[in-house]
């Protein structure tokens, strides 16, 4: 049995004996209703301005993507170059520290004294061999000036 109820001037019928309220729609050969076919035809009709707008937007997106990829590639190359230069700087700093250490040990006064006395046979001058004089004209001594006695 079916129950009938009215709400807002619309009749609802509940149960399994509901009659068809809407008329049967005519369907074409493929089983699509006339209204659906009209909606599909309307959707397929695109206006020229809309097509131009979508084409321009697609071209703009492609252009922006290409430019972005170019910038990304450029940034990656620069980062690689910076890392290479930082590696070179680190190598040069290590080499510089090693050379500074060699220079400091090479010009060590104890080493110079040992080489001078042991290998070259040098000795300190006796106090009798040292001549001290004052030159008041300037603060430096010329090589070709006579030494006063």
Protein backbone atom coordinates (compact mmCIF):
# COMPACT_ATOMS: atom_id res chain seq x y z
CA UNK A 1 0.00 0.00 0.00
CA UNK A 2 1.13 3.47 -0.77
CA UNK A 3 0.88 6.47 1.49
CA UNK A 4 0.24 9.90 0.02
CA UNK A 5 1.26 13.13 1.68
CA UNK A 6 1.09 16.74 0.48
CA UNK A 7 3.79 19.27 1.33
CA UNK A 8 4.14 22.73 -0.24
CA UNK A 9 1.67 21.84 -3.00
CA UNK A 10 3.76 18.82 -4.02
CA UNK A 11 2.32 15.35 -3.68
CA UNK A 12 4.69 12.66 -2.45
CA UNK A 13 3.77 9.04 -2.86
CA UNK A 14 5.66 6.55 -0.71
CA UNK A 15 5.78 2.81 -1.21
CA UNK A 16 6.27 0.38 -4.06
CA UNK A 17 3.19 1.42 -6.02
CA UNK A 18 4.47 4.82 -7.12
CA UNK A 19 3.24 5.73 -10.55
CA UNK A 20 5.41 7.51 -13.04
CA UNK A 21 4.91 11.19 -12.48
CA UNK A 22 7.16 12.48 -15.25
CA UNK A 23 6.44 11.70 -18.86
CA UNK A 24 8.72 9.23 -20.58
CA UNK A 25 11.53 11.03 -22.34
CA UNK A 26 12.22 10.21 -25.91
CA UNK A 27 15.61 8.63 -26.34
CA UNK A 28 17.65 8.51 -29.51
CA UNK A 29 19.40 5.48 -30.94
CA UNK A 30 22.20 5.51 -28.33
CA UNK A 31 19.92 5.78 -25.33
CA UNK A 32 20.55 9.51 -24.65
CA UNK A 33 17.60 11.77 -23.90
CA UNK A 34 16.81 14.80 -26.02
CA UNK A 35 17.66 17.24 -23.21
CA UNK A 36 21.03 15.58 -22.63
CA UNK A 37 21.77 15.73 -26.36
CA UNK A 38 20.91 19.44 -26.47
CA UNK A 39 23.16 20.13 -23.43
CA UNK A 40 26.02 18.24 -25.08
CA UNK A 41 25.64 20.22 -28.31
CA UNK A 42 25.55 23.46 -26.36
CA UNK A 43 28.69 22.46 -24.44
CA UNK A 44 30.50 21.62 -27.66
CA UNK A 45 29.81 25.04 -29.14
CA UNK A 46 32.66 27.30 -28.02
CA UNK A 47 32.82 30.95 -28.85
CA UNK A 48 35.85 32.40 -30.62
CA UNK A 49 36.79 34.81 -27.77
CA UNK A 50 36.76 31.92 -25.28
CA UNK A 51 38.97 29.78 -27.52
CA UNK A 52 41.38 32.71 -28.02
CA UNK A 53 41.48 33.38 -24.28
CA UNK A 54 42.17 29.74 -23.40
CA UNK A 55 44.86 29.55 -26.13
CA UNK A 56 46.54 32.72 -24.88
CA UNK A 57 46.42 31.47 -21.30
CA UNK A 58 47.95 28.13 -22.33
CA UNK A 59 50.74 29.88 -24.26
CA UNK A 60 51.41 32.16 -21.30
CA UNK A 61 51.64 29.18 -18.94
CA UNK A 62 54.01 27.34 -21.30
CA UNK A 63 56.17 30.48 -21.66
CA UNK A 64 56.32 30.99 -17.91
CA UNK A 65 57.25 27.32 -17.40
CA UNK A 66 60.06 27.55 -19.97
CA UNK A 67 61.38 30.73 -18.37
CA UNK A 68 61.18 29.14 -14.91
CA UNK A 69 63.12 26.09 -16.06
CA UNK A 70 65.76 28.35 -17.64
CA UNK A 71 66.16 30.30 -14.41
CA UNK A 72 66.30 27.10 -12.39
CA UNK A 73 69.04 25.74 -14.65
CA UNK A 74 70.98 28.99 -14.38
CA UNK A 75 70.73 28.95 -10.58
CA UNK A 76 71.87 25.33 -10.46
CA UNK A 77 74.91 26.12 -12.64
CA UNK A 78 75.82 29.09 -10.46
CA UNK A 79 75.50 27.03 -7.28
CA UNK A 80 77.77 24.37 -8.79
CA UNK A 81 80.30 27.05 -9.81
CA UNK A 82 80.19 28.58 -6.30
CA UNK A 83 80.80 25.17 -4.72
CA UNK A 84 83.71 24.57 -7.10
CA UNK A 85 85.23 27.96 -6.23
CA UNK A 86 84.72 27.35 -2.51
CA UNK A 87 86.56 24.03 -2.92
CA UNK A 88 89.39 25.86 -4.70
CA UNK A 89 89.54 28.44 -1.90
CA UNK A 90 89.69 25.70 0.72
CA UNK A 91 92.52 23.97 -1.19
CA UNK A 92 94.43 27.26 -1.53
CA UNK A 93 94.00 28.02 2.18
CA UNK A 94 95.34 24.57 3.12
CA UNK A 95 98.27 25.05 0.75
CA UNK A 96 98.89 28.56 2.13
CA UNK A 97 98.91 27.29 5.74
CA UNK A 98 101.35 24.54 4.78
CA UNK A 99 103.64 27.07 3.05
CA UNK A 100 103.45 29.44 6.02
CA UNK A 101 104.44 26.58 8.31
CA UNK A 102 107.35 25.72 6.03
CA UNK A 103 108.46 29.36 5.94
CA UNK A 104 108.25 29.69 9.72
CA UNK A 105 110.30 26.55 10.23
CA UNK A 106 112.72 27.49 7.45
CA UNK A 107 113.55 30.88 8.94
CA UNK A 108 113.74 29.68 12.50
CA UNK A 109 116.68 31.52 14.14
CA UNK A 110 117.86 28.38 15.92
CA UNK A 111 118.01 26.54 12.62
CA UNK A 112 119.87 29.44 10.97
CA UNK A 113 122.39 29.49 13.84
CA UNK A 114 122.86 25.69 13.61
CA UNK A 115 123.48 25.82 9.85
CA UNK A 116 125.81 28.80 10.15
CA UNK A 117 127.93 27.32 12.92
CA UNK A 118 127.86 23.62 12.04
CA UNK A 119 127.68 23.48 8.25
CA UNK A 120 129.34 26.75 7.30
CA UNK A 121 131.84 26.96 10.16
CA UNK A 122 130.92 30.51 11.18
CA UNK A 123 131.72 31.86 14.63
CA UNK A 124 130.72 34.92 16.57
CA UNK A 125 132.99 37.95 16.21
CA UNK A 126 135.32 38.80 19.06
CA UNK A 127 134.66 42.08 20.81
CA UNK A 128 137.98 43.35 19.40
CA UNK A 129 136.73 42.82 15.88
CA UNK A 130 133.57 44.90 16.35
CA UNK A 131 133.83 48.60 15.47
CA UNK A 132 131.08 50.87 16.74
CA UNK A 133 130.69 54.40 15.44
CA UNK A 134 128.02 57.09 15.47
CA UNK A 135 126.97 58.82 12.33
CA UNK A 136 124.90 61.87 13.06
CA UNK A 137 124.09 62.97 9.52
CA UNK A 138 121.33 60.49 8.84
CA UNK A 139 119.85 57.29 10.15
CA UNK A 140 121.30 55.01 7.52
CA UNK A 141 124.79 54.10 6.42
CA UNK A 142 125.90 54.32 2.81
CA UNK A 143 127.91 51.46 1.52
CA UNK A 144 130.57 53.59 -0.13
CA UNK A 145 131.19 56.01 2.73
CA UNK A 146 134.44 55.75 4.64
CA UNK A 147 134.23 54.27 8.09
CA UNK A 148 135.75 56.61 10.68
CA UNK A 149 138.50 55.20 12.86
